Amino acid sequence: MLYQSITARQAAERLKNGEKFRFIDVREPQEYAVARIEEAELLPLTRFNEWIATLDPKEEIVVVCHHGIRSANVCMYLVRSGFEKVYNLDGGIDSWSKEVDENIARY
């Protein structure tokens, strides 16, 4: 089974509609300080081993990073570990800045 992709617009629409999912930002704190999506929780990839056990394999999870590469790797790991509802934010926060909220800094 593979993870799925979700566009920035699709994720924003789901948030706007009040849909529940865990929105995880796997970038590092210095990146998060520059640009962030308010609804996303920061769980840095470098601390993955510390937070992976806090995730529920039954919950829906959307993972974001800068351009979608690190988040794709996290998604692959989650799917291989038995998670079923895993989405990679296509294009990362960079796409979010271009398509959803131009006030979020691009870097």
PDB file of N, CA and C in Angstrom:
ATOM      1  N   MET A   1       0.843  -1.195   0.000  1.00  0.00           N
ATOM      2  CA  MET A   1       0.000   0.000   0.000  1.00  0.00           C
ATOM      3  C   MET A   1       0.880   1.247   0.000  1.00  0.00           C
ATOM      4  N   LEU A   2       0.477   2.228  -0.754  1.00  0.00           N
ATOM      5  CA  LEU A   2       1.215   3.481  -0.837  1.00  0.00           C
ATOM      6  C   LEU A   2       0.471   4.584  -0.101  1.00  0.00           C
ATOM      7  N   TYR A   3       1.217   5.589   0.304  1.00  0.00           N
ATOM      8  CA  TYR A   3       0.571   6.773   0.870  1.00  0.00           C
ATOM      9  C   TYR A   3      -0.075   7.543  -0.275  1.00  0.00           C
ATOM     10  N   GLN A   4      -0.955   8.468   0.084  1.00  0.00           N
ATOM     11  CA  GLN A   4      -1.621   9.292  -0.916  1.00  0.00           C
ATOM     12  C   GLN A   4      -1.065  10.711  -0.847  1.00  0.00           C
ATOM     13  N   SER A   5      -1.284  11.471  -1.898  1.00  0.00           N
ATOM     14  CA  SER A   5      -0.904  12.880  -1.909  1.00  0.00           C
ATOM     15  C   SER A   5      -2.155  13.722  -1.757  1.00  0.00           C
ATOM     16  N   ILE A   6      -1.968  14.895  -1.164  1.00  0.00           N
ATOM     17  CA  ILE A   6      -3.049  15.860  -1.037  1.00  0.00           C
ATOM     18  C   ILE A   6      -2.462  17.218  -1.397  1.00  0.00           C
ATOM     19  N   THR A   7      -3.200  18.016  -2.141  1.00  0.00           N
ATOM     20  CA  THR A   7      -2.705  19.343  -2.503  1.00  0.00           C
ATOM     21  C   THR A   7      -2.928  20.304  -1.340  1.00  0.00           C
ATOM     22  N   ALA A   8      -2.213  21.403  -1.386  1.00  0.00           N
ATOM     23  CA  ALA A   8      -2.380  22.429  -0.366  1.00  0.00           C
ATOM     24  C   ALA A   8      -3.835  22.921  -0.331  1.00  0.00           C
ATOM     25  N   ARG A   9      -4.408  23.140  -1.504  1.00  0.00           N
ATOM     26  CA  ARG A   9      -5.803  23.612  -1.569  1.00  0.00           C
ATOM     27  C   ARG A   9      -6.763  22.591  -0.957  1.00  0.00           C
ATOM     28  N   GLN A  10      -6.552  21.311  -1.259  1.00  0.00           N
ATOM     29  CA  GLN A  10      -7.430  20.267  -0.701  1.00  0.00           C
ATOM     30  C   GLN A  10      -7.324  20.223   0.825  1.00  0.00           C
ATOM     31  N   ALA A  11      -6.105  20.284   1.345  1.00  0.00           N
ATOM     32  CA  ALA A  11      -5.917  20.251   2.796  1.00  0.00           C
ATOM     33  C   ALA A  11      -6.541  21.478   3.449  1.00  0.00           C
ATOM     34  N   ALA A  12      -6.348  22.649   2.842  1.00  0.00           N
ATOM     35  CA  ALA A  12      -6.924  23.882   3.387  1.00  0.00           C
ATOM     36  C   ALA A  12      -8.446  23.804   3.407  1.00  0.00           C
ATOM     37  N   GLU A  13      -9.024  23.259   2.345  1.00  0.00           N
ATOM     38  CA  GLU A  13     -10.479  23.121   2.274  1.00  0.00           C
ATOM     39  C   GLU A  13     -10.986  22.179   3.364  1.00  0.00           C
ATOM     40  N   ARG A  14     -10.272  21.102   3.580  1.00  0.00           N
ATOM     41  CA  ARG A  14     -10.669  20.147   4.620  1.00  0.00           C
ATOM     42  C   ARG A  14     -10.594  20.793   5.999  1.00  0.00           C
ATOM     43  N   LEU A  15      -9.571  21.603   6.248  1.00  0.00           N
ATOM     44  CA  LEU A  15      -9.464  22.316   7.526  1.00  0.00           C
ATOM     45  C   LEU A  15     -10.627  23.299   7.675  1.00  0.00           C
ATOM     46  N   LYS A  16     -10.898  24.023   6.608  1.00  0.00           N
ATOM     47  CA  LYS A  16     -11.984  25.011   6.616  1.00  0.00           C
ATOM     48  C   LYS A  16     -13.332  24.343   6.915  1.00  0.00           C
ATOM     49  N   ASN A  17     -13.503  23.120   6.406  1.00  0.00           N
ATOM     50  CA  ASN A  17     -14.744  22.374   6.626  1.00  0.00           C
ATOM     51  C   ASN A  17     -14.796  21.680   7.991  1.00  0.00           C
ATOM     52  N   GLY A  18     -13.742  21.847   8.787  1.00  0.00           N
ATOM     53  CA  GLY A  18     -13.733  21.263  10.119  1.00  0.00           C
ATOM     54  C   GLY A  18     -13.424  19.775  10.162  1.00  0.00           C
ATOM     55  N   GLU A  19     -12.896  19.247   9.071  1.00  0.00           N
ATOM     56  CA  GLU A  19     -12.550  17.824   9.058  1.00  0.00           C
ATOM     57  C   GLU A  19     -11.375  17.578   9.993  1.00  0.00           C
ATOM     58  N   LYS A  20     -11.411  16.450  10.674  1.00  0.00           N
ATOM     59  CA  LYS A  20     -10.388  16.131  11.668  1.00  0.00           C
ATOM     60  C   LYS A  20      -9.311  15.232  11.076  1.00  0.00           C
ATOM     61  N   PHE A  21      -8.081  15.673  11.218  1.00  0.00           N
ATOM     62  CA  PHE A  21      -6.922  14.864  10.869  1.00  0.00           C
ATOM     63  C   PHE A  21      -5.723  15.433  11.612  1.00  0.00           C
ATOM     64  N   ARG A  22      -4.705  14.625  11.775  1.00  0.00           N
ATOM     65  CA  ARG A  22      -3.487  15.087  12.437  1.00  0.00           C
ATOM     66  C   ARG A  22      -2.598  15.704  11.363  1.00  0.00           C
ATOM     67  N   PHE A  23      -2.254  16.947  11.527  1.00  0.00           N
ATOM     68  CA  PHE A  23      -1.471  17.710  10.549  1.00  0.00           C
ATOM     69  C   PHE A  23      -0.070  17.884  11.141  1.00  0.00           C
ATOM     70  N   ILE A  24       0.906  17.181  10.590  1.00  0.00           N
ATOM     71  CA  ILE A  24       2.250  17.135  11.164  1.00  0.00           C
ATOM     72  C   ILE A  24       3.262  17.805  10.240  1.00  0.00           C
ATOM     73  N   ASP A  25       3.998  18.760  10.800  1.00  0.00           N
ATOM     74  CA  ASP A  25       5.075  19.456  10.096  1.00  0.00           C
ATOM     75  C   ASP A  25       6.390  18.839  10.568  1.00  0.00           C
ATOM     76  N   VAL A  26       7.130  18.197   9.657  1.00  0.00           N
ATOM     77  CA  VAL A  26       8.354  17.502  10.041  1.00  0.00           C
ATOM     78  C   VAL A  26       9.627  18.326   9.802  1.00  0.00           C
ATOM     79  N   ARG A  27       9.456  19.604   9.528  1.00  0.00           N
ATOM     80  CA  ARG A  27      10.627  20.470   9.346  1.00  0.00           C
ATOM     81  C   ARG A  27      11.280  20.734  10.704  1.00  0.00           C
ATOM     82  N   GLU A  28      12.377  21.427  10.693  1.00  0.00           N
ATOM     83  CA  GLU A  28      13.112  21.733  11.910  1.00  0.00           C
ATOM     84  C   GLU A  28      12.618  23.059  12.517  1.00  0.00           C
ATOM     85  N   PRO A  29      12.860  23.246  13.830  1.00  0.00           N
ATOM     86  CA  PRO A  29      12.355  24.460  14.501  1.00  0.00           C
ATOM     87  C   PRO A  29      12.761  25.766  13.824  1.00  0.00           C
ATOM     88  N   GLN A  30      13.969  25.852  13.294  1.00  0.00           N
ATOM     89  CA  GLN A  30      14.394  27.092  12.629  1.00  0.00           C
ATOM     90  C   GLN A  30      13.597  27.345  11.354  1.00  0.00           C
ATOM     91  N   GLU A  31      13.179  26.288  10.661  1.00  0.00           N
ATOM     92  CA  GLU A  31      12.337  26.445   9.476  1.00  0.00           C
ATOM     93  C   GLU A  31      10.929  26.861   9.885  1.00  0.00           C
ATOM     94  N   TYR A  32      10.428  26.226  10.938  1.00  0.00           N
ATOM     95  CA  TYR A  32       9.092  26.510  11.467  1.00  0.00           C
ATOM     96  C   TYR A  32       9.004  27.971  11.906  1.00  0.00           C
ATOM     97  N   ALA A  33      10.102  28.512  12.436  1.00  0.00           N
ATOM     98  CA  ALA A  33      10.129  29.907  12.876  1.00  0.00           C
ATOM     99  C   ALA A  33       9.990  30.868  11.697  1.00  0.00           C
ATOM    100  N   VAL A  34      10.457  30.460  10.524  1.00  0.00           N
ATOM    101  CA  VAL A  34      10.393  31.299   9.324  1.00  0.00           C
ATOM    102  C   VAL A  34       9.004  31.264   8.704  1.00  0.00           C
ATOM    103  N   ALA A  35       8.423  30.070   8.628  1.00  0.00           N
ATOM    104  CA  ALA A  35       7.138  29.903   7.947  1.00  0.00           C
ATOM    105  C   ALA A  35       6.418  28.704   8.548  1.00  0.00           C
ATOM    106  N   ARG A  36       5.129  28.889   8.864  1.00  0.00           N
ATOM    107  CA  ARG A  36       4.377  27.758   9.414  1.00  0.00           C
ATOM    108  C   ARG A  36       2.904  27.872   9.079  1.00  0.00           C
ATOM    109  N   ILE A  37       2.273  26.698   9.081  1.00  0.00           N
ATOM    110  CA  ILE A  37       0.828  26.598   8.918  1.00  0.00           C
ATOM    111  C   ILE A  37       0.279  26.462  10.334  1.00  0.00           C
ATOM    112  N   GLU A  38      -0.548  27.397  10.743  1.00  0.00           N
ATOM    113  CA  GLU A  38      -1.008  27.441  12.133  1.00  0.00           C
ATOM    114  C   GLU A  38      -1.592  26.125  12.631  1.00  0.00           C
ATOM    115  N   GLU A  39      -2.307  25.416  11.791  1.00  0.00           N
ATOM    116  CA  GLU A  39      -2.984  24.189  12.215  1.00  0.00           C
ATOM    117  C   GLU A  39      -2.048  22.976  12.314  1.00  0.00           C
ATOM    118  N   ALA A  40      -0.837  23.110  11.795  1.00  0.00           N
ATOM    119  CA  ALA A  40       0.107  21.992  11.793  1.00  0.00           C
ATOM    120  C   ALA A  40       0.952  21.990  13.068  1.00  0.00           C
ATOM    121  N   GLU A  41       1.172  20.796  13.595  1.00  0.00           N
ATOM    122  CA  GLU A  41       2.015  20.666  14.782  1.00  0.00           C
ATOM    123  C   GLU A  41       3.427  20.298  14.359  1.00  0.00           C
ATOM    124  N   LEU A  42       4.398  20.929  15.002  1.00  0.00           N
ATOM    125  CA  LEU A  42       5.795  20.691  14.676  1.00  0.00           C
ATOM    126  C   LEU A  42       6.282  19.427  15.373  1.00  0.00           C
ATOM    127  N   LEU A  43       6.661  18.443  14.576  1.00  0.00           N
ATOM    128  CA  LEU A  43       7.294  17.214  15.059  1.00  0.00           C
ATOM    129  C   LEU A  43       8.506  16.989  14.149  1.00  0.00           C
ATOM    130  N   PRO A  44       9.659  17.583  14.511  1.00  0.00           N
ATOM    131  CA  PRO A  44      10.825  17.549  13.621  1.00  0.00           C
ATOM    132  C   PRO A  44      11.276  16.132  13.266  1.00  0.00           C
ATOM    133  N   LEU A  45      11.641  15.959  12.018  1.00  0.00           N
ATOM    134  CA  LEU A  45      12.106  14.670  11.538  1.00  0.00           C
ATOM    135  C   LEU A  45      13.321  14.187  12.332  1.00  0.00           C
ATOM    136  N   THR A  46      14.186  15.101  12.752  1.00  0.00           N
ATOM    137  CA  THR A  46      15.378  14.706  13.507  1.00  0.00           C
ATOM    138  C   THR A  46      15.034  14.117  14.871  1.00  0.00           C
ATOM    139  N   ARG A  47      13.793  14.300  15.325  1.00  0.00           N
ATOM    140  CA  ARG A  47      13.352  13.736  16.608  1.00  0.00           C
ATOM    141  C   ARG A  47      12.292  12.647  16.386  1.00  0.00           C
ATOM    142  N   PHE A  48      12.256  12.102  15.180  1.00  0.00           N
ATOM    143  CA  PHE A  48      11.268  11.103  14.771  1.00  0.00           C
ATOM    144  C   PHE A  48      11.118   9.970  15.783  1.00  0.00           C
ATOM    145  N   ASN A  49      12.243   9.438  16.244  1.00  0.00           N
ATOM    146  CA  ASN A  49      12.192   8.308  17.186  1.00  0.00           C
ATOM    147  C   ASN A  49      11.516   8.671  18.501  1.00  0.00           C
ATOM    148  N   GLU A  50      11.480   9.948  18.833  1.00  0.00           N
ATOM    149  CA  GLU A  50      10.847  10.404  20.075  1.00  0.00           C
ATOM    150  C   GLU A  50       9.329  10.524  19.931  1.00  0.00           C
ATOM    151  N   TRP A  51       8.837  10.858  18.741  1.00  0.00           N
ATOM    152  CA  TRP A  51       7.399  11.119  18.602  1.00  0.00           C
ATOM    153  C   TRP A  51       6.622  10.071  17.819  1.00  0.00           C
ATOM    154  N   ILE A  52       7.277   9.175  17.122  1.00  0.00           N
ATOM    155  CA  ILE A  52       6.555   8.206  16.302  1.00  0.00           C
ATOM    156  C   ILE A  52       5.559   7.387  17.127  1.00  0.00           C
ATOM    157  N   ALA A  53       5.902   7.052  18.340  1.00  0.00           N
ATOM    158  CA  ALA A  53       5.018   6.229  19.178  1.00  0.00           C
ATOM    159  C   ALA A  53       3.775   6.982  19.637  1.00  0.00           C
ATOM    160  N   THR A  54       3.748   8.306  19.458  1.00  0.00           N
ATOM    161  CA  THR A  54       2.575   9.085  19.876  1.00  0.00           C
ATOM    162  C   THR A  54       1.477   9.064  18.818  1.00  0.00           C
ATOM    163  N   LEU A  55       1.779   8.522  17.651  1.00  0.00           N
ATOM    164  CA  LEU A  55       0.799   8.509  16.563  1.00  0.00           C
ATOM    165  C   LEU A  55      -0.101   7.280  16.657  1.00  0.00           C
ATOM    166  N   ASP A  56      -1.345   7.462  16.304  1.00  0.00           N
ATOM    167  CA  ASP A  56      -2.332   6.384  16.301  1.00  0.00           C
ATOM    168  C   ASP A  56      -2.488   5.884  14.864  1.00  0.00           C
ATOM    169  N   PRO A  57      -2.197   4.600  14.619  1.00  0.00           N
ATOM    170  CA  PRO A  57      -2.302   4.066  13.253  1.00  0.00           C
ATOM    171  C   PRO A  57      -3.701   4.178  12.648  1.00  0.00           C
ATOM    172  N   LYS A  58      -4.706   4.410  13.473  1.00  0.00           N
ATOM    173  CA  LYS A  58      -6.081   4.510  12.971  1.00  0.00           C
ATOM    174  C   LYS A  58      -6.455   5.935  12.560  1.00  0.00           C
ATOM    175  N   GLU A  59      -5.679   6.928  13.033  1.00  0.00           N
ATOM    176  CA  GLU A  59      -6.043   8.304  12.703  1.00  0.00           C
ATOM    177  C   GLU A  59      -5.534   8.707  11.326  1.00  0.00           C
ATOM    178  N   GLU A  60      -6.202   9.677  10.757  1.00  0.00           N
ATOM    179  CA  GLU A  60      -5.792  10.223   9.468  1.00  0.00           C
ATOM    180  C   GLU A  60      -4.673  11.217   9.707  1.00  0.00           C
ATOM    181  N   ILE A  61      -3.617  11.126   8.900  1.00  0.00           N
ATOM    182  CA  ILE A  61      -2.436  11.954   9.100  1.00  0.00           C
ATOM    183  C   ILE A  61      -2.038  12.621   7.786  1.00  0.00           C
ATOM    184  N   VAL A  62      -1.797  13.930   7.855  1.00  0.00           N
ATOM    185  CA  VAL A  62      -1.252  14.687   6.724  1.00  0.00           C
ATOM    186  C   VAL A  62       0.111  15.189   7.176  1.00  0.00           C
ATOM    187  N   VAL A  63       1.142  14.918   6.359  1.00  0.00           N
ATOM    188  CA  VAL A  63       2.512  15.292   6.713  1.00  0.00           C
ATOM    189  C   VAL A  63       3.006  16.352   5.731  1.00  0.00           C
ATOM    190  N   VAL A  64       3.675  17.372   6.282  1.00  0.00           N
ATOM    191  CA  VAL A  64       4.193  18.475   5.460  1.00  0.00           C
ATOM    192  C   VAL A  64       5.645  18.754   5.820  1.00  0.00           C
ATOM    193  N   CYS A  65       6.406  19.178   4.829  1.00  0.00           N
ATOM    194  CA  CYS A  65       7.762  19.676   5.050  1.00  0.00           C
ATOM    195  C   CYS A  65       7.944  20.892   4.139  1.00  0.00           C
ATOM    196  N   HIS A  66       9.162  21.158   3.688  1.00  0.00           N
ATOM    197  CA  HIS A  66       9.394  22.334   2.853  1.00  0.00           C
ATOM    198  C   HIS A  66       8.862  22.147   1.426  1.00  0.00           C
ATOM    199  N   HIS A  67       9.304  21.073   0.765  1.00  0.00           N
ATOM    200  CA  HIS A  67       8.871  20.821  -0.616  1.00  0.00           C
ATOM    201  C   HIS A  67       8.189  19.469  -0.809  1.00  0.00           C
ATOM    202  N   GLY A  68       8.145  18.635   0.211  1.00  0.00           N
ATOM    203  CA  GLY A  68       7.453  17.355   0.105  1.00  0.00           C
ATOM    204  C   GLY A  68       8.336  16.121   0.092  1.00  0.00           C
ATOM    205  N   ILE A  69       9.643  16.280   0.195  1.00  0.00           N
ATOM    206  CA  ILE A  69      10.559  15.133   0.139  1.00  0.00           C
ATOM    207  C   ILE A  69      10.646  14.450   1.509  1.00  0.00           C
ATOM    208  N   ARG A  70      10.962  15.206   2.547  1.00  0.00           N
ATOM    209  CA  ARG A  70      11.056  14.609   3.893  1.00  0.00           C
ATOM    210  C   ARG A  70       9.718  14.042   4.324  1.00  0.00           C
ATOM    211  N   SER A  71       8.654  14.775   4.039  1.00  0.00           N
ATOM    212  CA  SER A  71       7.321  14.292   4.424  1.00  0.00           C
ATOM    213  C   SER A  71       6.969  13.014   3.671  1.00  0.00           C
ATOM    214  N   ALA A  72       7.403  12.889   2.423  1.00  0.00           N
ATOM    215  CA  ALA A  72       7.156  11.656   1.662  1.00  0.00           C
ATOM    216  C   ALA A  72       7.860  10.478   2.318  1.00  0.00           C
ATOM    217  N   ASN A  73       9.071  10.702   2.797  1.00  0.00           N
ATOM    218  CA  ASN A  73       9.798   9.631   3.483  1.00  0.00           C
ATOM    219  C   ASN A  73       9.077   9.209   4.767  1.00  0.00           C
ATOM    220  N   VAL A  74       8.569  10.171   5.509  1.00  0.00           N
ATOM    221  CA  VAL A  74       7.806   9.849   6.723  1.00  0.00           C
ATOM    222  C   VAL A  74       6.553   9.070   6.343  1.00  0.00           C
ATOM    223  N   CYS A  75       5.867   9.513   5.304  1.00  0.00           N
ATOM    224  CA  CYS A  75       4.653   8.814   4.855  1.00  0.00           C
ATOM    225  C   CYS A  75       4.958   7.369   4.476  1.00  0.00           C
ATOM    226  N   MET A  76       6.046   7.149   3.750  1.00  0.00           N
ATOM    227  CA  MET A  76       6.417   5.781   3.368  1.00  0.00           C
ATOM    228  C   MET A  76       6.643   4.914   4.598  1.00  0.00           C
ATOM    229  N   TYR A  77       7.339   5.464   5.586  1.00  0.00           N
ATOM    230  CA  TYR A  77       7.592   4.712   6.811  1.00  0.00           C
ATOM    231  C   TYR A  77       6.278   4.382   7.528  1.00  0.00           C
ATOM    232  N   LEU A  78       5.401   5.368   7.642  1.00  0.00           N
ATOM    233  CA  LEU A  78       4.129   5.152   8.328  1.00  0.00           C
ATOM    234  C   LEU A  78       3.301   4.063   7.647  1.00  0.00           C
ATOM    235  N   VAL A  79       3.228   4.102   6.331  1.00  0.00           N
ATOM    236  CA  VAL A  79       2.463   3.092   5.592  1.00  0.00           C
ATOM    237  C   VAL A  79       3.072   1.703   5.807  1.00  0.00           C
ATOM    238  N   ARG A  80       4.385   1.619   5.747  1.00  0.00           N
ATOM    239  CA  ARG A  80       5.052   0.332   5.987  1.00  0.00           C
ATOM    240  C   ARG A  80       4.830  -0.152   7.415  1.00  0.00           C
ATOM    241  N   SER A  81       4.534   0.773   8.325  1.00  0.00           N
ATOM    242  CA  SER A  81       4.303   0.424   9.733  1.00  0.00           C
ATOM    243  C   SER A  81       2.839   0.166  10.046  1.00  0.00           C
ATOM    244  N   GLY A  82       1.993   0.120   9.023  1.00  0.00           N
ATOM    245  CA  GLY A  82       0.602  -0.239   9.235  1.00  0.00           C
ATOM    246  C   GLY A  82      -0.395   0.903   9.279  1.00  0.00           C
ATOM    247  N   PHE A  83       0.066   2.139   9.090  1.00  0.00           N
ATOM    248  CA  PHE A  83      -0.856   3.267   9.035  1.00  0.00           C
ATOM    249  C   PHE A  83      -1.581   3.230   7.692  1.00  0.00           C
ATOM    250  N   GLU A  84      -2.870   3.492   7.697  1.00  0.00           N
ATOM    251  CA  GLU A  84      -3.658   3.360   6.467  1.00  0.00           C
ATOM    252  C   GLU A  84      -4.093   4.680   5.844  1.00  0.00           C
ATOM    253  N   LYS A  85      -4.265   5.717   6.653  1.00  0.00           N
ATOM    254  CA  LYS A  85      -4.771   6.997   6.138  1.00  0.00           C
ATOM    255  C   LYS A  85      -3.677   8.057   6.242  1.00  0.00           C
ATOM    256  N   VAL A  86      -2.716   7.967   5.329  1.00  0.00           N
ATOM    257  CA  VAL A  86      -1.542   8.831   5.361  1.00  0.00           C
ATOM    258  C   VAL A  86      -1.482   9.632   4.062  1.00  0.00           C
ATOM    259  N   TYR A  87      -1.290  10.940   4.208  1.00  0.00           N
ATOM    260  CA  TYR A  87      -1.233  11.838   3.055  1.00  0.00           C
ATOM    261  C   TYR A  87       0.015  12.703   3.133  1.00  0.00           C
ATOM    262  N   ASN A  88       0.673  12.857   2.001  1.00  0.00           N
ATOM    263  CA  ASN A  88       1.802  13.771   1.884  1.00  0.00           C
ATOM    264  C   ASN A  88       1.292  15.064   1.254  1.00  0.00           C
ATOM    265  N   LEU A  89       1.600  16.202   1.873  1.00  0.00           N
ATOM    266  CA  LEU A  89       1.193  17.485   1.305  1.00  0.00           C
ATOM    267  C   LEU A  89       2.091  17.771   0.108  1.00  0.00           C
ATOM    268  N   ASP A  90       1.529  17.638  -1.066  1.00  0.00           N
ATOM    269  CA  ASP A  90       2.248  17.785  -2.327  1.00  0.00           C
ATOM    270  C   ASP A  90       2.856  19.182  -2.433  1.00  0.00           C
ATOM    271  N   GLY A  91       4.173  19.249  -2.582  1.00  0.00           N
ATOM    272  CA  GLY A  91       4.845  20.544  -2.729  1.00  0.00           C
ATOM    273  C   GLY A  91       5.149  21.240  -1.427  1.00  0.00           C
ATOM    274  N   GLY A  92       4.757  20.644  -0.303  1.00  0.00           N
ATOM    275  CA  GLY A  92       5.087  21.168   1.019  1.00  0.00           C
ATOM    276  C   GLY A  92       4.545  22.554   1.322  1.00  0.00           C
ATOM    277  N   ILE A  93       5.169  23.165   2.311  1.00  0.00           N
ATOM    278  CA  ILE A  93       4.721  24.493   2.737  1.00  0.00           C
ATOM    279  C   ILE A  93       4.965  25.525   1.633  1.00  0.00           C
ATOM    280  N   ASP A  94       5.886  25.231   0.725  1.00  0.00           N
ATOM    281  CA  ASP A  94       6.116  26.129  -0.397  1.00  0.00           C
ATOM    282  C   ASP A  94       4.852  26.232  -1.248  1.00  0.00           C
ATOM    283  N   SER A  95       4.210  25.094  -1.508  1.00  0.00           N
ATOM    284  CA  SER A  95       2.941  25.111  -2.260  1.00  0.00           C
ATOM    285  C   SER A  95       1.844  25.798  -1.464  1.00  0.00           C
ATOM    286  N   TRP A  96       1.826  25.564  -0.147  1.00  0.00           N
ATOM    287  CA  TRP A  96       0.817  26.201   0.706  1.00  0.00           C
ATOM    288  C   TRP A  96       0.927  27.712   0.579  1.00  0.00           C
ATOM    289  N   SER A  97       2.164  28.215   0.594  1.00  0.00           N
ATOM    290  CA  SER A  97       2.397  29.654   0.481  1.00  0.00           C
ATOM    291  C   SER A  97       1.922  30.193  -0.872  1.00  0.00           C
ATOM    292  N   LYS A  98       2.136  29.427  -1.944  1.00  0.00           N
ATOM    293  CA  LYS A  98       1.734  29.868  -3.278  1.00  0.00           C
ATOM    294  C   LYS A  98       0.233  29.735  -3.518  1.00  0.00           C
ATOM    295  N   GLU A  99      -0.380  28.664  -3.006  1.00  0.00           N
ATOM    296  CA  GLU A  99      -1.759  28.354  -3.349  1.00  0.00           C
ATOM    297  C   GLU A  99      -2.812  28.739  -2.294  1.00  0.00           C
ATOM    298  N   VAL A 100      -2.403  28.823  -1.024  1.00  0.00           N
ATOM    299  CA  VAL A 100      -3.379  29.015   0.052  1.00  0.00           C
ATOM    300  C   VAL A 100      -3.189  30.337   0.797  1.00  0.00           C
ATOM    301  N   ASP A 101      -1.959  30.606   1.242  1.00  0.00           N
ATOM    302  CA  ASP A 101      -1.717  31.781   2.080  1.00  0.00           C
ATOM    303  C   ASP A 101      -0.403  32.440   1.681  1.00  0.00           C
ATOM    304  N   GLU A 102      -0.505  33.450   0.830  1.00  0.00           N
ATOM    305  CA  GLU A 102       0.696  34.131   0.344  1.00  0.00           C
ATOM    306  C   GLU A 102       1.423  34.906   1.438  1.00  0.00           C
ATOM    307  N   ASN A 103       0.817  35.043   2.618  1.00  0.00           N
ATOM    308  CA  ASN A 103       1.486  35.720   3.743  1.00  0.00           C
ATOM    309  C   ASN A 103       2.519  34.830   4.420  1.00  0.00           C
ATOM    310  N   ILE A 104       2.491  33.536   4.113  1.00  0.00           N
ATOM    311  CA  ILE A 104       3.500  32.627   4.656  1.00  0.00           C
ATOM    312  C   ILE A 104       4.761  32.791   3.826  1.00  0.00           C
ATOM    313  N   ALA A 105       5.846  33.081   4.515  1.00  0.00           N
ATOM    314  CA  ALA A 105       7.117  33.345   3.833  1.00  0.00           C
ATOM    315  C   ALA A 105       7.578  32.130   3.044  1.00  0.00           C
ATOM    316  N   ARG A 106       8.176  32.421   1.893  1.00  0.00           N
ATOM    317  CA  ARG A 106       8.807  31.358   1.091  1.00  0.00           C
ATOM    318  C   ARG A 106      10.309  31.480   1.330  1.00  0.00           C
ATOM    319  N   TYR A 107      10.956  30.349   1.411  1.00  0.00           N
ATOM    320  CA  TYR A 107      12.397  30.343   1.641  1.00  0.00           C
ATOM    321  C   TYR A 107      13.062  29.251   0.848  1.00  0.00           C
TER     322      TYR A 107
END
